[in-house]
Amino acid sequence: MVLRNRLKEYRAILSCNQQEMGKKCGVSRQTISLIERGDYSPSVTLALTIAKICDAKVEDIFYLEEEGNEKK
């Protein structure tokens, strides 16, 4: 299973760039970028913080996908 996310979509809804999102979450812009690219899995605390800022459920932003079923 691979952790995927819709963070970029939620940032767009908030009209928020990576720098601003990082500041709201207490992390760097680079951390937000890594999460969006799928190169970093956030802690439970960070995932919950992101969801709260986005006014969404964690599972609306982050989801598991079986390997080999990547969306294109």
N, C-alpha and C. Protein backbone atom coordinates (compact mmCIF):
# COMPACT_ATOMS: atom_id res chain seq x y z
N MET A 1 0.84 -1.18 0.00
CA MET A 1 0.00 0.00 0.00
C MET A 1 0.89 1.25 0.00
N VAL A 2 0.42 2.24 -0.70
CA VAL A 2 1.15 3.49 -0.83
C VAL A 2 0.25 4.63 -0.32
N LEU A 3 0.82 5.51 0.49
CA LEU A 3 0.06 6.65 0.98
C LEU A 3 0.02 7.73 -0.09
N ARG A 4 -1.16 8.12 -0.49
CA ARG A 4 -1.38 9.19 -1.46
C ARG A 4 -2.08 10.34 -0.75
N ASN A 5 -2.13 11.50 -1.41
CA ASN A 5 -2.80 12.64 -0.79
C ASN A 5 -3.37 13.60 -1.82
N ARG A 6 -4.28 14.41 -1.33
CA ARG A 6 -4.91 15.45 -2.13
C ARG A 6 -4.60 16.83 -1.55
N LEU A 7 -3.45 16.95 -0.92
CA LEU A 7 -3.10 18.19 -0.24
C LEU A 7 -3.04 19.37 -1.20
N LYS A 8 -2.47 19.17 -2.37
CA LYS A 8 -2.37 20.26 -3.34
C LYS A 8 -3.76 20.79 -3.71
N GLU A 9 -4.72 19.89 -3.88
CA GLU A 9 -6.09 20.29 -4.21
C GLU A 9 -6.70 21.12 -3.07
N TYR A 10 -6.48 20.67 -1.84
CA TYR A 10 -7.02 21.39 -0.70
C TYR A 10 -6.33 22.75 -0.51
N ARG A 11 -5.04 22.81 -0.81
CA ARG A 11 -4.34 24.11 -0.74
C ARG A 11 -4.94 25.07 -1.76
N ALA A 12 -5.26 24.56 -2.94
CA ALA A 12 -5.85 25.40 -3.99
C ALA A 12 -7.19 25.97 -3.54
N ILE A 13 -7.98 25.14 -2.87
CA ILE A 13 -9.27 25.60 -2.36
C ILE A 13 -9.07 26.75 -1.36
N LEU A 14 -8.01 26.65 -0.57
CA LEU A 14 -7.71 27.68 0.43
C LEU A 14 -6.95 28.86 -0.15
N SER A 15 -6.60 28.78 -1.44
CA SER A 15 -5.75 29.81 -2.08
C SER A 15 -4.48 30.04 -1.26
N CYS A 16 -3.83 28.94 -0.95
CA CYS A 16 -2.70 28.95 -0.04
C CYS A 16 -1.50 28.30 -0.74
N ASN A 17 -0.35 28.96 -0.76
CA ASN A 17 0.83 28.33 -1.36
C ASN A 17 1.52 27.43 -0.33
N GLN A 18 2.55 26.73 -0.76
CA GLN A 18 3.23 25.79 0.12
C GLN A 18 3.85 26.50 1.33
N GLN A 19 4.40 27.68 1.11
CA GLN A 19 5.01 28.44 2.20
C GLN A 19 3.97 28.78 3.26
N GLU A 20 2.82 29.28 2.83
CA GLU A 20 1.75 29.65 3.76
C GLU A 20 1.20 28.43 4.50
N MET A 21 1.02 27.33 3.77
CA MET A 21 0.52 26.10 4.41
C MET A 21 1.52 25.60 5.45
N GLY A 22 2.79 25.63 5.10
CA GLY A 22 3.81 25.21 6.05
C GLY A 22 3.79 26.03 7.32
N LYS A 23 3.63 27.35 7.15
CA LYS A 23 3.58 28.24 8.31
C LYS A 23 2.37 27.92 9.18
N LYS A 24 1.21 27.69 8.57
CA LYS A 24 0.00 27.36 9.33
C LYS A 24 0.16 26.05 10.08
N CYS A 25 0.90 25.11 9.49
CA CYS A 25 1.08 23.77 10.08
C CYS A 25 2.28 23.68 11.01
N GLY A 26 3.12 24.69 10.99
CA GLY A 26 4.32 24.67 11.83
C GLY A 26 5.45 23.85 11.25
N VAL A 27 5.47 23.72 9.91
CA VAL A 27 6.54 22.99 9.23
C VAL A 27 7.06 23.86 8.08
N SER A 28 8.09 23.39 7.42
CA SER A 28 8.68 24.16 6.33
C SER A 28 7.91 23.96 5.02
N ARG A 29 8.17 24.86 4.07
CA ARG A 29 7.61 24.72 2.73
C ARG A 29 8.07 23.40 2.12
N GLN A 30 9.32 23.05 2.38
CA GLN A 30 9.89 21.82 1.84
C GLN A 30 9.13 20.59 2.33
N THR A 31 8.70 20.60 3.59
CA THR A 31 7.93 19.47 4.13
C THR A 31 6.61 19.33 3.39
N ILE A 32 5.92 20.45 3.15
CA ILE A 32 4.66 20.42 2.41
C ILE A 32 4.90 19.88 1.01
N SER A 33 5.97 20.33 0.37
CA SER A 33 6.32 19.85 -0.98
C SER A 33 6.58 18.34 -0.98
N LEU A 34 7.33 17.86 0.00
CA LEU A 34 7.63 16.43 0.09
C LEU A 34 6.36 15.60 0.31
N ILE A 35 5.45 16.10 1.14
CA ILE A 35 4.18 15.40 1.38
C ILE A 35 3.40 15.33 0.08
N GLU A 36 3.27 16.45 -0.61
CA GLU A 36 2.49 16.49 -1.85
C GLU A 36 3.06 15.55 -2.91
N ARG A 37 4.38 15.44 -2.98
CA ARG A 37 5.02 14.56 -3.96
C ARG A 37 4.96 13.08 -3.55
N GLY A 38 4.60 12.84 -2.30
CA GLY A 38 4.56 11.46 -1.81
C GLY A 38 5.90 10.95 -1.34
N ASP A 39 6.84 11.87 -1.15
CA ASP A 39 8.19 11.48 -0.70
C ASP A 39 8.33 11.50 0.82
N TYR A 40 7.27 11.92 1.52
CA TYR A 40 7.30 12.00 2.98
C TYR A 40 5.91 11.70 3.51
N SER A 41 5.84 10.82 4.49
CA SER A 41 4.56 10.51 5.14
C SER A 41 4.49 11.30 6.43
N PRO A 42 3.50 12.16 6.56
CA PRO A 42 3.41 12.98 7.77
C PRO A 42 3.08 12.16 9.01
N SER A 43 3.46 12.68 10.14
CA SER A 43 3.08 12.05 11.41
C SER A 43 1.57 12.17 11.56
N VAL A 44 1.02 11.41 12.48
CA VAL A 44 -0.42 11.49 12.75
C VAL A 44 -0.77 12.91 13.18
N THR A 45 0.05 13.50 14.02
CA THR A 45 -0.20 14.86 14.50
C THR A 45 -0.22 15.85 13.34
N LEU A 46 0.74 15.75 12.43
CA LEU A 46 0.79 16.66 11.29
C LEU A 46 -0.38 16.42 10.35
N ALA A 47 -0.72 15.17 10.11
CA ALA A 47 -1.87 14.86 9.24
C ALA A 47 -3.16 15.44 9.83
N LEU A 48 -3.34 15.32 11.14
CA LEU A 48 -4.51 15.88 11.80
C LEU A 48 -4.52 17.41 11.73
N THR A 49 -3.35 18.01 11.89
CA THR A 49 -3.23 19.46 11.80
C THR A 49 -3.59 19.95 10.40
N ILE A 50 -3.07 19.27 9.39
CA ILE A 50 -3.37 19.63 8.00
C ILE A 50 -4.86 19.51 7.74
N ALA A 51 -5.47 18.43 8.20
CA ALA A 51 -6.90 18.23 8.00
C ALA A 51 -7.71 19.33 8.67
N LYS A 52 -7.32 19.71 9.87
CA LYS A 52 -8.04 20.76 10.59
C LYS A 52 -7.94 22.08 9.84
N ILE A 53 -6.77 22.42 9.37
CA ILE A 53 -6.57 23.66 8.62
C ILE A 53 -7.40 23.65 7.34
N CYS A 54 -7.51 22.49 6.71
CA CYS A 54 -8.27 22.35 5.46
C CYS A 54 -9.76 22.16 5.71
N ASP A 55 -10.17 22.09 6.97
CA ASP A 55 -11.56 21.84 7.34
C ASP A 55 -12.08 20.57 6.66
N ALA A 56 -11.28 19.51 6.80
CA ALA A 56 -11.59 18.23 6.16
C ALA A 56 -11.22 17.10 7.11
N LYS A 57 -11.65 15.90 6.77
CA LYS A 57 -11.24 14.71 7.52
C LYS A 57 -9.89 14.26 6.98
N VAL A 58 -9.10 13.64 7.84
CA VAL A 58 -7.79 13.14 7.43
C VAL A 58 -7.94 12.24 6.21
N GLU A 59 -8.96 11.36 6.23
CA GLU A 59 -9.11 10.40 5.13
C GLU A 59 -9.58 11.06 3.83
N ASP A 60 -10.04 12.31 3.90
CA ASP A 60 -10.37 13.04 2.67
C ASP A 60 -9.11 13.54 1.98
N ILE A 61 -8.08 13.78 2.76
CA ILE A 61 -6.81 14.29 2.22
C ILE A 61 -5.81 13.17 1.96
N PHE A 62 -5.71 12.25 2.91
CA PHE A 62 -4.75 11.15 2.80
C PHE A 62 -5.49 9.83 2.62
N TYR A 63 -4.98 8.99 1.71
CA TYR A 63 -5.62 7.70 1.46
C TYR A 63 -4.56 6.68 1.02
N LEU A 64 -4.87 5.42 1.25
CA LEU A 64 -3.98 4.33 0.85
C LEU A 64 -4.40 3.80 -0.51
N GLU A 65 -3.40 3.49 -1.31
CA GLU A 65 -3.66 2.94 -2.64
C GLU A 65 -2.74 1.73 -2.83
N GLU A 66 -3.31 0.68 -3.40
CA GLU A 66 -2.49 -0.50 -3.65
C GLU A 66 -1.44 -0.18 -4.71
N GLU A 67 -0.26 -0.70 -4.51
CA GLU A 67 0.81 -0.47 -5.48
C GLU A 67 0.39 -1.05 -6.83
N GLY A 68 0.71 -0.32 -7.89
CA GLY A 68 0.34 -0.76 -9.24
C GLY A 68 -0.98 -0.19 -9.69
N ASN A 69 -1.73 0.47 -8.80
CA ASN A 69 -3.01 1.07 -9.15
C ASN A 69 -2.95 2.59 -9.14
N GLU A 70 -1.77 3.15 -9.40
CA GLU A 70 -1.61 4.59 -9.37
C GLU A 70 -2.50 5.25 -10.42
N LYS A 71 -3.11 6.37 -10.01
CA LYS A 71 -3.91 7.16 -10.96
C LYS A 71 -2.98 7.93 -11.87
N LYS A 72 -3.37 8.09 -13.10
CA LYS A 72 -2.53 8.83 -14.05
C LYS A 72 -3.24 10.02 -14.56
